[in-house]
Structure formats: C-alpha cells, structure tokens
Amino acid sequence: AGLTRLVTLIDRLEAAHGAPPALVAARLIAEAALARRESRGGHYRSDHPASAPIPTHTRLRRDLAAVRAAA
C-alpha cells in the first residue's frame, strides 16, 4: 500500500512540476519495487515474504514518449 501511495504522489508531483530526473528516478525505483514478487536480502515485502528459488533482476523501461508529452 505504501509503494502504491508513493507512485500516486509521484504522479501528482509530475503533473505539477513535469518530470525532472529526481522524479523519474523515484518512479523507476518505486515501480521496480512494486514489480518484485519476492523478498530478498534487505528488500523485504510483507505481501511477498518468500524468496524465489532463482534470483532474477527486475527490469523496467520508461516510456520516453510519455515523458516528453508531460514536459
């Protein structure tokens, strides 16, 4: 719930201020954390407490067209 609230806050900040690099980075970090469906090391999720048998990287790609349209 906290990560979802954070993404909503980032949406509001981007609507008010555009997409400066700090907000883009914050969004990528929050969305990557939401995409992860396991806990590993210091990245604990109470809604997904188990670790996957094989670790995988979470990869996201920002839609540059949307970023440019918001600017």
Protein backbone atom coordinates (compact mmCIF):
# COMPACT_ATOMS: atom_id res chain seq x y z
CA ALA A 1 0.00 0.00 0.00
CA GLY A 2 2.86 2.38 0.79
CA LEU A 3 4.51 1.90 -2.59
CA THR A 4 1.19 2.46 -4.38
CA ARG A 5 0.69 5.69 -2.41
CA LEU A 6 4.22 6.73 -3.37
CA VAL A 7 3.51 6.21 -7.10
CA THR A 8 0.31 8.28 -6.72
CA LEU A 9 2.32 11.06 -5.06
CA ILE A 10 4.90 10.95 -7.86
CA ASP A 11 2.03 11.22 -10.38
CA ARG A 12 0.79 14.38 -8.64
CA LEU A 13 4.27 15.88 -8.43
CA GLU A 14 4.93 15.19 -12.12
CA ALA A 15 1.58 16.76 -13.04
CA ALA A 16 2.55 19.88 -11.12
CA HIS A 17 6.27 20.09 -11.96
CA GLY A 18 6.97 17.95 -15.03
CA ALA A 19 9.39 15.04 -14.94
CA PRO A 20 12.73 16.20 -13.52
CA PRO A 21 15.36 13.46 -13.22
CA ALA A 22 14.78 13.01 -9.47
CA LEU A 23 11.09 12.17 -10.01
CA VAL A 24 11.89 9.88 -12.92
CA ALA A 25 14.38 8.01 -10.70
CA ALA A 26 11.90 7.88 -7.82
CA ARG A 27 9.22 6.44 -10.12
CA LEU A 28 11.56 3.77 -11.52
CA ILE A 29 12.61 2.70 -8.03
CA ALA A 30 9.01 2.56 -6.75
CA GLU A 31 7.72 0.71 -9.82
CA ALA A 32 10.60 -1.78 -9.67
CA ALA A 33 9.81 -2.44 -6.00
CA LEU A 34 6.13 -2.99 -6.87
CA ALA A 35 7.04 -5.34 -9.71
CA ARG A 36 9.13 -7.56 -7.42
CA ARG A 37 7.14 -10.52 -6.12
CA GLU A 38 9.63 -11.80 -3.57
CA SER A 39 11.73 -10.76 -0.61
CA ARG A 40 15.50 -10.89 -0.93
CA GLY A 41 18.11 -9.56 1.45
CA GLY A 42 17.24 -6.07 2.64
CA HIS A 43 14.34 -5.84 0.18
CA TYR A 44 11.57 -7.35 2.30
CA ARG A 45 7.93 -7.32 1.20
CA SER A 46 5.36 -8.35 3.77
CA ASP A 47 2.94 -9.26 0.96
CA HIS A 48 5.59 -11.48 -0.71
CA PRO A 49 7.79 -12.71 2.17
CA ALA A 50 9.40 -15.73 0.44
CA SER A 51 12.46 -15.65 -1.82
CA ALA A 52 12.27 -17.13 -5.30
CA PRO A 53 14.46 -20.22 -5.78
CA ILE A 54 16.44 -18.44 -8.51
CA PRO A 55 17.11 -14.69 -8.17
CA THR A 56 16.18 -12.52 -11.14
CA HIS A 57 16.68 -8.84 -11.88
CA THR A 58 13.72 -6.50 -12.14
CA ARG A 59 13.95 -4.51 -15.35
CA LEU A 60 11.79 -1.54 -16.26
CA ARG A 61 11.83 0.74 -19.25
CA ARG A 62 10.44 4.27 -19.12
CA ASP A 63 8.09 5.29 -21.94
CA LEU A 64 10.03 8.26 -23.34
CA ALA A 65 7.07 9.44 -25.44
CA ALA A 66 5.01 9.86 -22.28
CA VAL A 67 7.85 11.70 -20.54
CA ARG A 68 8.24 14.09 -23.46
CA ALA A 69 4.48 14.67 -23.65
CA ALA A 70 4.39 15.57 -19.95
CA ALA A 71 7.26 18.05 -20.27
